[in-house]
Amino acid sequence: MSAKIYRPAKTAMQSGKAKTNLWVLEFDQEKPRTIDPIMGYTSSGDMKQQLRLTFENAEQAIAYAERNGIEYRVIAPKETTRKSVSYPDNFRFNRMQPWTH
């Protein structure tokens, strides 16, 4: 039984950073998914794949995994850098790119 510990990224559907400060522990897939021959649904007998545990910080998630004997890997979050954009820079005389309409 193995799991990954990560901090989820901001989804494309939100403009804020809601639910991105929590750390998540998700179990890896142990059994392959199968396709139901009659209905065509994809299913799996692996119930741990449905679990998603959230923690306040990575240390708590690591402590939980070690306490319960779960092999884990930590995926470090990539911090975003905001580029400072100024509206008046579009009309500067020494602009690097030509102005097009």
PDB file of N, CA and C in Angstrom:
ATOM      1  N   MET A   1       0.851  -1.171   0.000  1.00  0.00           N
ATOM      2  CA  MET A   1       0.000   0.000   0.000  1.00  0.00           C
ATOM      3  C   MET A   1       0.899   1.237   0.000  1.00  0.00           C
ATOM      4  N   SER A   2       0.747   2.060  -1.017  1.00  0.00           N
ATOM      5  CA  SER A   2       1.541   3.281  -1.097  1.00  0.00           C
ATOM      6  C   SER A   2       0.611   4.468  -1.354  1.00  0.00           C
ATOM      7  N   ALA A   3       1.117   5.641  -1.040  1.00  0.00           N
ATOM      8  CA  ALA A   3       0.310   6.847  -1.182  1.00  0.00           C
ATOM      9  C   ALA A   3       1.196   8.010  -1.595  1.00  0.00           C
ATOM     10  N   LYS A   4       0.552   9.059  -2.087  1.00  0.00           N
ATOM     11  CA  LYS A   4       1.284  10.284  -2.393  1.00  0.00           C
ATOM     12  C   LYS A   4       0.723  11.403  -1.539  1.00  0.00           C
ATOM     13  N   ILE A   5       1.611  12.269  -1.110  1.00  0.00           N
ATOM     14  CA  ILE A   5       1.250  13.426  -0.297  1.00  0.00           C
ATOM     15  C   ILE A   5       1.600  14.665  -1.107  1.00  0.00           C
ATOM     16  N   TYR A   6       0.627  15.523  -1.316  1.00  0.00           N
ATOM     17  CA  TYR A   6       0.857  16.717  -2.129  1.00  0.00           C
ATOM     18  C   TYR A   6      -0.091  17.828  -1.704  1.00  0.00           C
ATOM     19  N   ARG A   7       0.206  19.013  -2.183  1.00  0.00           N
ATOM     20  CA  ARG A   7      -0.680  20.158  -1.988  1.00  0.00           C
ATOM     21  C   ARG A   7      -1.305  20.468  -3.337  1.00  0.00           C
ATOM     22  N   PRO A   8      -2.639  20.404  -3.470  1.00  0.00           N
ATOM     23  CA  PRO A   8      -3.270  20.566  -4.779  1.00  0.00           C
ATOM     24  C   PRO A   8      -3.087  21.972  -5.345  1.00  0.00           C
ATOM     25  N   ALA A   9      -3.024  22.026  -6.654  1.00  0.00           N
ATOM     26  CA  ALA A   9      -2.888  23.305  -7.352  1.00  0.00           C
ATOM     27  C   ALA A   9      -4.256  23.953  -7.513  1.00  0.00           C
ATOM     28  N   LYS A  10      -4.246  25.203  -7.831  1.00  0.00           N
ATOM     29  CA  LYS A  10      -5.480  25.946  -8.076  1.00  0.00           C
ATOM     30  C   LYS A  10      -6.110  25.426  -9.366  1.00  0.00           C
ATOM     31  N   THR A  11      -7.398  25.169  -9.353  1.00  0.00           N
ATOM     32  CA  THR A  11      -8.056  24.684 -10.561  1.00  0.00           C
ATOM     33  C   THR A  11      -8.290  25.845 -11.531  1.00  0.00           C
ATOM     34  N   ALA A  12      -8.560  25.524 -12.766  1.00  0.00           N
ATOM     35  CA  ALA A  12      -8.801  26.549 -13.770  1.00  0.00           C
ATOM     36  C   ALA A  12     -10.150  27.230 -13.577  1.00  0.00           C
ATOM     37  N   MET A  13     -11.017  26.627 -12.797  1.00  0.00           N
ATOM     38  CA  MET A  13     -12.359  27.171 -12.616  1.00  0.00           C
ATOM     39  C   MET A  13     -12.458  28.183 -11.481  1.00  0.00           C
ATOM     40  N   GLN A  14     -11.379  28.433 -10.768  1.00  0.00           N
ATOM     41  CA  GLN A  14     -11.453  29.376  -9.669  1.00  0.00           C
ATOM     42  C   GLN A  14     -10.404  30.464  -9.829  1.00  0.00           C
ATOM     43  N   SER A  15     -10.744  31.652  -9.403  1.00  0.00           N
ATOM     44  CA  SER A  15      -9.802  32.743  -9.488  1.00  0.00           C
ATOM     45  C   SER A  15      -9.026  32.901  -8.192  1.00  0.00           C
ATOM     46  N   GLY A  16      -9.554  32.378  -7.097  1.00  0.00           N
ATOM     47  CA  GLY A  16      -8.878  32.464  -5.814  1.00  0.00           C
ATOM     48  C   GLY A  16      -8.063  31.214  -5.534  1.00  0.00           C
ATOM     49  N   LYS A  17      -7.531  31.152  -4.332  1.00  0.00           N
ATOM     50  CA  LYS A  17      -6.693  30.017  -3.947  1.00  0.00           C
ATOM     51  C   LYS A  17      -7.391  29.164  -2.886  1.00  0.00           C
ATOM     52  N   ALA A  18      -8.691  28.984  -3.021  1.00  0.00           N
ATOM     53  CA  ALA A  18      -9.441  28.198  -2.051  1.00  0.00           C
ATOM     54  C   ALA A  18      -9.002  26.735  -2.098  1.00  0.00           C
ATOM     55  N   LYS A  19      -8.859  26.119  -0.957  1.00  0.00           N
ATOM     56  CA  LYS A  19      -8.518  24.707  -0.781  1.00  0.00           C
ATOM     57  C   LYS A  19      -7.136  24.343  -1.323  1.00  0.00           C
ATOM     58  N   THR A  20      -6.267  25.309  -1.515  1.00  0.00           N
ATOM     59  CA  THR A  20      -4.920  24.997  -1.986  1.00  0.00           C
ATOM     60  C   THR A  20      -3.900  25.032  -0.859  1.00  0.00           C
ATOM     61  N   ASN A  21      -4.322  25.366   0.358  1.00  0.00           N
ATOM     62  CA  ASN A  21      -3.371  25.422   1.464  1.00  0.00           C
ATOM     63  C   ASN A  21      -3.363  24.128   2.274  1.00  0.00           C
ATOM     64  N   LEU A  22      -4.259  23.193   1.984  1.00  0.00           N
ATOM     65  CA  LEU A  22      -4.293  21.915   2.678  1.00  0.00           C
ATOM     66  C   LEU A  22      -3.445  20.879   1.939  1.00  0.00           C
ATOM     67  N   TRP A  23      -2.892  19.942   2.685  1.00  0.00           N
ATOM     68  CA  TRP A  23      -2.122  18.854   2.106  1.00  0.00           C
ATOM     69  C   TRP A  23      -3.013  17.627   2.000  1.00  0.00           C
ATOM     70  N   VAL A  24      -2.858  16.863   0.923  1.00  0.00           N
ATOM     71  CA  VAL A  24      -3.730  15.734   0.635  1.00  0.00           C
ATOM     72  C   VAL A  24      -2.900  14.452   0.614  1.00  0.00           C
ATOM     73  N   LEU A  25      -3.449  13.395   1.211  1.00  0.00           N
ATOM     74  CA  LEU A  25      -2.860  12.064   1.131  1.00  0.00           C
ATOM     75  C   LEU A  25      -3.820  11.207   0.316  1.00  0.00           C
ATOM     76  N   GLU A  26      -3.351  10.725  -0.850  1.00  0.00           N
ATOM     77  CA  GLU A  26      -4.154   9.870  -1.722  1.00  0.00           C
ATOM     78  C   GLU A  26      -3.434   8.549  -1.917  1.00  0.00           C
ATOM     79  N   PHE A  27      -4.179   7.465  -1.874  1.00  0.00           N
ATOM     80  CA  PHE A  27      -3.611   6.144  -2.080  1.00  0.00           C
ATOM     81  C   PHE A  27      -3.446   5.873  -3.568  1.00  0.00           C
ATOM     82  N   ASP A  28      -2.392   5.150  -3.918  1.00  0.00           N
ATOM     83  CA  ASP A  28      -2.156   4.771  -5.298  1.00  0.00           C
ATOM     84  C   ASP A  28      -3.043   3.586  -5.671  1.00  0.00           C
ATOM     85  N   GLN A  29      -3.217   3.393  -6.959  1.00  0.00           N
ATOM     86  CA  GLN A  29      -4.051   2.309  -7.460  1.00  0.00           C
ATOM     87  C   GLN A  29      -3.336   0.970  -7.270  1.00  0.00           C
ATOM     88  N   GLU A  30      -4.005   0.016  -6.624  1.00  0.00           N
ATOM     89  CA  GLU A  30      -3.413  -1.304  -6.392  1.00  0.00           C
ATOM     90  C   GLU A  30      -3.915  -2.334  -7.393  1.00  0.00           C
ATOM     91  N   LYS A  31      -5.174  -2.238  -7.765  1.00  0.00           N
ATOM     92  CA  LYS A  31      -5.768  -3.158  -8.733  1.00  0.00           C
ATOM     93  C   LYS A  31      -6.086  -2.392 -10.011  1.00  0.00           C
ATOM     94  N   PRO A  32      -5.915  -3.027 -11.167  1.00  0.00           N
ATOM     95  CA  PRO A  32      -6.239  -2.311 -12.411  1.00  0.00           C
ATOM     96  C   PRO A  32      -7.745  -2.121 -12.574  1.00  0.00           C
ATOM     97  N   ARG A  33      -8.113  -1.107 -13.287  1.00  0.00           N
ATOM     98  CA  ARG A  33      -9.526  -0.845 -13.561  1.00  0.00           C
ATOM     99  C   ARG A  33     -10.002  -1.806 -14.655  1.00  0.00           C
ATOM    100  N   THR A  34     -11.257  -2.177 -14.582  1.00  0.00           N
ATOM    101  CA  THR A  34     -11.835  -3.078 -15.572  1.00  0.00           C
ATOM    102  C   THR A  34     -13.046  -2.409 -16.212  1.00  0.00           C
ATOM    103  N   ILE A  35     -13.360  -2.846 -17.412  1.00  0.00           N
ATOM    104  CA  ILE A  35     -14.516  -2.311 -18.130  1.00  0.00           C
ATOM    105  C   ILE A  35     -15.626  -3.343 -18.067  1.00  0.00           C
ATOM    106  N   ASP A  36     -16.789  -2.913 -17.628  1.00  0.00           N
ATOM    107  CA  ASP A  36     -17.946  -3.795 -17.552  1.00  0.00           C
ATOM    108  C   ASP A  36     -18.383  -4.146 -18.968  1.00  0.00           C
ATOM    109  N   PRO A  37     -18.504  -5.438 -19.314  1.00  0.00           N
ATOM    110  CA  PRO A  37     -18.814  -5.804 -20.699  1.00  0.00           C
ATOM    111  C   PRO A  37     -20.233  -5.423 -21.127  1.00  0.00           C
ATOM    112  N   ILE A  38     -21.165  -5.326 -20.203  1.00  0.00           N
ATOM    113  CA  ILE A  38     -22.546  -5.038 -20.585  1.00  0.00           C
ATOM    114  C   ILE A  38     -22.789  -3.540 -20.709  1.00  0.00           C
ATOM    115  N   MET A  39     -22.435  -2.790 -19.662  1.00  0.00           N
ATOM    116  CA  MET A  39     -22.735  -1.358 -19.649  1.00  0.00           C
ATOM    117  C   MET A  39     -21.588  -0.497 -20.151  1.00  0.00           C
ATOM    118  N   GLY A  40     -20.354  -1.007 -20.095  1.00  0.00           N
ATOM    119  CA  GLY A  40     -19.208  -0.233 -20.547  1.00  0.00           C
ATOM    120  C   GLY A  40     -18.639   0.685 -19.498  1.00  0.00           C
ATOM    121  N   TYR A  41     -19.123   0.579 -18.241  1.00  0.00           N
ATOM    122  CA  TYR A  41     -18.603   1.410 -17.157  1.00  0.00           C
ATOM    123  C   TYR A  41     -17.213   0.947 -16.769  1.00  0.00           C
ATOM    124  N   THR A  42     -16.388   1.875 -16.346  1.00  0.00           N
ATOM    125  CA  THR A  42     -15.077   1.546 -15.807  1.00  0.00           C
ATOM    126  C   THR A  42     -15.216   1.412 -14.302  1.00  0.00           C
ATOM    127  N   SER A  43     -14.725   0.287 -13.767  1.00  0.00           N
ATOM    128  CA  SER A  43     -14.852   0.070 -12.339  1.00  0.00           C
ATOM    129  C   SER A  43     -13.561  -0.502 -11.788  1.00  0.00           C
ATOM    130  N   SER A  44     -13.465  -0.498 -10.472  1.00  0.00           N
ATOM    131  CA  SER A  44     -12.298  -1.027  -9.788  1.00  0.00           C
ATOM    132  C   SER A  44     -12.739  -1.605  -8.451  1.00  0.00           C
ATOM    133  N   GLY A  45     -12.069  -2.660  -8.028  1.00  0.00           N
ATOM    134  CA  GLY A  45     -12.360  -3.244  -6.728  1.00  0.00           C
ATOM    135  C   GLY A  45     -11.516  -2.637  -5.629  1.00  0.00           C
ATOM    136  N   ASP A  46     -10.721  -1.652  -5.974  1.00  0.00           N
ATOM    137  CA  ASP A  46      -9.820  -1.014  -5.021  1.00  0.00           C
ATOM    138  C   ASP A  46     -10.552   0.136  -4.320  1.00  0.00           C
ATOM    139  N   MET A  47     -10.963  -0.085  -3.079  1.00  0.00           N
ATOM    140  CA  MET A  47     -11.731   0.923  -2.356  1.00  0.00           C
ATOM    141  C   MET A  47     -10.850   2.029  -1.783  1.00  0.00           C
ATOM    142  N   LYS A  48      -9.572   1.756  -1.571  1.00  0.00           N
ATOM    143  CA  LYS A  48      -8.690   2.786  -1.001  1.00  0.00           C
ATOM    144  C   LYS A  48      -8.445   3.922  -1.975  1.00  0.00           C
ATOM    145  N   GLN A  49      -8.679   3.667  -3.238  1.00  0.00           N
ATOM    146  CA  GLN A  49      -8.473   4.698  -4.241  1.00  0.00           C
ATOM    147  C   GLN A  49      -9.495   5.829  -4.087  1.00  0.00           C
ATOM    148  N   GLN A  50     -10.590   5.566  -3.398  1.00  0.00           N
ATOM    149  CA  GLN A  50     -11.614   6.581  -3.197  1.00  0.00           C
ATOM    150  C   GLN A  50     -11.321   7.473  -1.993  1.00  0.00           C
ATOM    151  N   LEU A  51     -10.354   7.087  -1.165  1.00  0.00           N
ATOM    152  CA  LEU A  51     -10.020   7.873   0.022  1.00  0.00           C
ATOM    153  C   LEU A  51      -9.150   9.066  -0.344  1.00  0.00           C
ATOM    154  N   ARG A  52      -9.462  10.169   0.279  1.00  0.00           N
ATOM    155  CA  ARG A  52      -8.659  11.379   0.104  1.00  0.00           C
ATOM    156  C   ARG A  52      -8.642  12.097   1.443  1.00  0.00           C
ATOM    157  N   LEU A  53      -7.522  11.986   2.148  1.00  0.00           N
ATOM    158  CA  LEU A  53      -7.401  12.575   3.471  1.00  0.00           C
ATOM    159  C   LEU A  53      -6.713  13.930   3.374  1.00  0.00           C
ATOM    160  N   THR A  54      -7.213  14.924   4.099  1.00  0.00           N
ATOM    161  CA  THR A  54      -6.609  16.257   4.081  1.00  0.00           C
ATOM    162  C   THR A  54      -5.989  16.552   5.442  1.00  0.00           C
ATOM    163  N   PHE A  55      -4.884  17.307   5.409  1.00  0.00           N
ATOM    164  CA  PHE A  55      -4.141  17.672   6.605  1.00  0.00           C
ATOM    165  C   PHE A  55      -3.765  19.146   6.524  1.00  0.00           C
ATOM    166  N   GLU A  56      -3.516  19.733   7.684  1.00  0.00           N
ATOM    167  CA  GLU A  56      -3.140  21.146   7.740  1.00  0.00           C
ATOM    168  C   GLU A  56      -1.755  21.400   7.160  1.00  0.00           C
ATOM    169  N   ASN A  57      -0.821  20.475   7.367  1.00  0.00           N
ATOM    170  CA  ASN A  57       0.534  20.637   6.831  1.00  0.00           C
ATOM    171  C   ASN A  57       1.114  19.282   6.456  1.00  0.00           C
ATOM    172  N   ALA A  58       2.253  19.305   5.793  1.00  0.00           N
ATOM    173  CA  ALA A  58       2.868  18.070   5.297  1.00  0.00           C
ATOM    174  C   ALA A  58       3.357  17.190   6.438  1.00  0.00           C
ATOM    175  N   GLU A  59       3.794  17.793   7.533  1.00  0.00           N
ATOM    176  CA  GLU A  59       4.307  17.012   8.660  1.00  0.00           C
ATOM    177  C   GLU A  59       3.222  16.124   9.259  1.00  0.00           C
ATOM    178  N   GLN A  60       2.001  16.636   9.333  1.00  0.00           N
ATOM    179  CA  GLN A  60       0.900  15.829   9.855  1.00  0.00           C
ATOM    180  C   GLN A  60       0.577  14.661   8.929  1.00  0.00           C
ATOM    181  N   ALA A  61       0.621  14.901   7.630  1.00  0.00           N
ATOM    182  CA  ALA A  61       0.347  13.835   6.664  1.00  0.00           C
ATOM    183  C   ALA A  61       1.436  12.764   6.719  1.00  0.00           C
ATOM    184  N   ILE A  62       2.691  13.178   6.848  1.00  0.00           N
ATOM    185  CA  ILE A  62       3.800  12.228   6.941  1.00  0.00           C
ATOM    186  C   ILE A  62       3.701  11.433   8.230  1.00  0.00           C
ATOM    187  N   ALA A  63       3.366  12.095   9.327  1.00  0.00           N
ATOM    188  CA  ALA A  63       3.215  11.407  10.609  1.00  0.00           C
ATOM    189  C   ALA A  63       2.092  10.374  10.539  1.00  0.00           C
ATOM    190  N   TYR A  64       0.992  10.700   9.887  1.00  0.00           N
ATOM    191  CA  TYR A  64      -0.114   9.757   9.742  1.00  0.00           C
ATOM    192  C   TYR A  64       0.323   8.534   8.940  1.00  0.00           C
ATOM    193  N   ALA A  65       1.041   8.770   7.832  1.00  0.00           N
ATOM    194  CA  ALA A  65       1.487   7.661   6.997  1.00  0.00           C
ATOM    195  C   ALA A  65       2.466   6.764   7.746  1.00  0.00           C
ATOM    196  N   GLU A  66       3.391   7.349   8.483  1.00  0.00           N
ATOM    197  CA  GLU A  66       4.355   6.550   9.235  1.00  0.00           C
ATOM    198  C   GLU A  66       3.689   5.799  10.382  1.00  0.00           C
ATOM    199  N   ARG A  67       2.722   6.419  11.024  1.00  0.00           N
ATOM    200  CA  ARG A  67       2.019   5.789  12.139  1.00  0.00           C
ATOM    201  C   ARG A  67       1.214   4.566  11.684  1.00  0.00           C
ATOM    202  N   ASN A  68       0.691   4.621  10.451  1.00  0.00           N
ATOM    203  CA  ASN A  68      -0.128   3.529   9.938  1.00  0.00           C
ATOM    204  C   ASN A  68       0.634   2.605   8.992  1.00  0.00           C
ATOM    205  N   GLY A  69       1.933   2.776   8.867  1.00  0.00           N
ATOM    206  CA  GLY A  69       2.751   1.891   8.038  1.00  0.00           C
ATOM    207  C   GLY A  69       2.476   2.020   6.550  1.00  0.00           C
ATOM    208  N   ILE A  70       2.210   3.209   6.092  1.00  0.00           N
ATOM    209  CA  ILE A  70       1.926   3.455   4.673  1.00  0.00           C
ATOM    210  C   ILE A  70       3.183   3.991   4.003  1.00  0.00           C
ATOM    211  N   GLU A  71       3.580   3.355   2.902  1.00  0.00           N
ATOM    212  CA  GLU A  71       4.686   3.900   2.112  1.00  0.00           C
ATOM    213  C   GLU A  71       4.175   5.169   1.434  1.00  0.00           C
ATOM    214  N   TYR A  72       4.984   6.203   1.441  1.00  0.00           N
ATOM    215  CA  TYR A  72       4.522   7.474   0.895  1.00  0.00           C
ATOM    216  C   TYR A  72       5.638   8.157   0.116  1.00  0.00           C
ATOM    217  N   ARG A  73       5.218   9.066  -0.735  1.00  0.00           N
ATOM    218  CA  ARG A  73       6.152   9.967  -1.420  1.00  0.00           C
ATOM    219  C   ARG A  73       5.537  11.361  -1.372  1.00  0.00           C
ATOM    220  N   VAL A  74       6.388  12.334  -1.132  1.00  0.00           N
ATOM    221  CA  VAL A  74       5.934  13.715  -0.997  1.00  0.00           C
ATOM    222  C   VAL A  74       6.247  14.444  -2.294  1.00  0.00           C
ATOM    223  N   ILE A  75       5.251  15.066  -2.852  1.00  0.00           N
ATOM    224  CA  ILE A  75       5.416  15.862  -4.065  1.00  0.00           C
ATOM    225  C   ILE A  75       5.400  17.325  -3.636  1.00  0.00           C
ATOM    226  N   ALA A  76       6.533  17.984  -3.792  1.00  0.00           N
ATOM    227  CA  ALA A  76       6.669  19.375  -3.350  1.00  0.00           C
ATOM    228  C   ALA A  76       5.862  20.296  -4.268  1.00  0.00           C
ATOM    229  N   PRO A  77       5.186  21.281  -3.702  1.00  0.00           N
ATOM    230  CA  PRO A  77       4.407  22.207  -4.540  1.00  0.00           C
ATOM    231  C   PRO A  77       5.313  23.171  -5.292  1.00  0.00           C
ATOM    232  N   LYS A  78       4.869  23.560  -6.461  1.00  0.00           N
ATOM    233  CA  LYS A  78       5.582  24.549  -7.250  1.00  0.00           C
ATOM    234  C   LYS A  78       4.969  25.909  -6.957  1.00  0.00           C
ATOM    235  N   GLU A  79       5.767  26.795  -6.432  1.00  0.00           N
ATOM    236  CA  GLU A  79       5.288  28.131  -6.096  1.00  0.00           C
ATOM    237  C   GLU A  79       5.185  28.967  -7.375  1.00  0.00           C
ATOM    238  N   THR A  80       4.078  29.668  -7.513  1.00  0.00           N
ATOM    239  CA  THR A  80       3.883  30.504  -8.685  1.00  0.00           C
ATOM    240  C   THR A  80       4.497  31.876  -8.451  1.00  0.00           C
ATOM    241  N   THR A  81       5.038  32.440  -9.488  1.00  0.00           N
ATOM    242  CA  THR A  81       5.576  33.798  -9.418  1.00  0.00           C
ATOM    243  C   THR A  81       4.687  34.710 -10.246  1.00  0.00           C
ATOM    244  N   ARG A  82       4.258  35.784  -9.650  1.00  0.00           N
ATOM    245  CA  ARG A  82       3.395  36.719 -10.350  1.00  0.00           C
ATOM    246  C   ARG A  82       4.234  37.753 -11.071  1.00  0.00           C
ATOM    247  N   LYS A  83       3.946  37.963 -12.313  1.00  0.00           N
ATOM    248  CA  LYS A  83       4.643  38.953 -13.109  1.00  0.00           C
ATOM    249  C   LYS A  83       3.940  40.297 -12.926  1.00  0.00           C
ATOM    250  N   SER A  84       4.714  41.298 -12.583  1.00  0.00           N
ATOM    251  CA  SER A  84       4.152  42.622 -12.380  1.00  0.00           C
ATOM    252  C   SER A  84       3.863  43.257 -13.741  1.00  0.00           C
ATOM    253  N   VAL A  85       2.600  43.565 -13.976  1.00  0.00           N
ATOM    254  CA  VAL A  85       2.179  44.143 -15.246  1.00  0.00           C
ATOM    255  C   VAL A  85       1.565  45.504 -14.956  1.00  0.00           C
ATOM    256  N   SER A  86       2.002  46.490 -15.722  1.00  0.00           N
ATOM    257  CA  SER A  86       1.509  47.842 -15.539  1.00  0.00           C
ATOM    258  C   SER A  86       0.835  48.309 -16.824  1.00  0.00           C
ATOM    259  N   TYR A  87      -0.346  48.872 -16.709  1.00  0.00           N
ATOM    260  CA  TYR A  87      -1.080  49.333 -17.880  1.00  0.00           C
ATOM    261  C   TYR A  87      -0.361  50.466 -18.624  1.00  0.00           C
ATOM    262  N   PRO A  88       0.214  51.441 -17.945  1.00  0.00           N
ATOM    263  CA  PRO A  88       0.897  52.517 -18.678  1.00  0.00           C
ATOM    264  C   PRO A  88       2.113  52.032 -19.488  1.00  0.00           C
ATOM    265  N   ASP A  89       2.650  50.869 -19.136  1.00  0.00           N
ATOM    266  CA  ASP A  89       3.779  50.357 -19.909  1.00  0.00           C
ATOM    267  C   ASP A  89       3.395  50.038 -21.347  1.00  0.00           C
ATOM    268  N   ASN A  90       2.120  49.860 -21.632  1.00  0.00           N
ATOM    269  CA  ASN A  90       1.678  49.605 -23.009  1.00  0.00           C
ATOM    270  C   ASN A  90       1.906  50.801 -23.919  1.00  0.00           C
ATOM    271  N   PHE A  91       1.995  51.995 -23.338  1.00  0.00           N
ATOM    272  CA  PHE A  91       2.097  53.213 -24.133  1.00  0.00           C
ATOM    273  C   PHE A  91       3.447  53.907 -24.000  1.00  0.00           C
ATOM    274  N   ARG A  92       4.438  53.203 -23.465  1.00  0.00           N
ATOM    275  CA  ARG A  92       5.767  53.799 -23.313  1.00  0.00           C
ATOM    276  C   ARG A  92       6.393  54.098 -24.679  1.00  0.00           C
ATOM    277  N   PHE A  93       7.218  55.138 -24.715  1.00  0.00           N
ATOM    278  CA  PHE A  93       7.883  55.506 -25.957  1.00  0.00           C
ATOM    279  C   PHE A  93       8.940  54.463 -26.339  1.00  0.00           C
ATOM    280  N   ASN A  94       9.661  53.940 -25.357  1.00  0.00           N
ATOM    281  CA  ASN A  94      10.738  52.986 -25.633  1.00  0.00           C
ATOM    282  C   ASN A  94      10.257  51.531 -25.470  1.00  0.00           C
ATOM    283  N   ARG A  95       9.062  51.261 -25.925  1.00  0.00           N
ATOM    284  CA  ARG A  95       8.481  49.925 -25.833  1.00  0.00           C
ATOM    285  C   ARG A  95       9.262  48.956 -26.709  1.00  0.00           C
ATOM    286  N   MET A  96       9.514  47.725 -26.198  1.00  0.00           N
ATOM    287  CA  MET A  96      10.326  46.748 -26.916  1.00  0.00           C
ATOM    288  C   MET A  96       9.559  46.135 -28.097  1.00  0.00           C
ATOM    289  N   GLN A  97       8.280  45.907 -27.953  1.00  0.00           N
ATOM    290  CA  GLN A  97       7.497  45.314 -29.032  1.00  0.00           C
ATOM    291  C   GLN A  97       6.694  46.420 -29.709  1.00  0.00           C
ATOM    292  N   PRO A  98       6.482  46.308 -31.006  1.00  0.00           N
ATOM    293  CA  PRO A  98       5.701  47.362 -31.678  1.00  0.00           C
ATOM    294  C   PRO A  98       4.228  47.313 -31.256  1.00  0.00           C
ATOM    295  N   TRP A  99       3.624  48.465 -31.248  1.00  0.00           N
ATOM    296  CA  TRP A  99       2.223  48.570 -30.854  1.00  0.00           C
ATOM    297  C   TRP A  99       1.349  48.168 -32.041  1.00  0.00           C
ATOM    298  N   THR A 100       0.460  47.231 -31.817  1.00  0.00           N
ATOM    299  CA  THR A 100      -0.455  46.801 -32.885  1.00  0.00           C
ATOM    300  C   THR A 100      -1.872  46.893 -32.379  1.00  0.00           C
ATOM    301  N   HIS A 101      -2.777  47.159 -33.274  1.00  0.00           N
ATOM    302  CA  HIS A 101      -4.207  47.212 -32.906  1.00  0.00           C
ATOM    303  C   HIS A 101      -4.905  46.068 -33.537  1.00  0.00           C
TER     304      HIS A 101
END
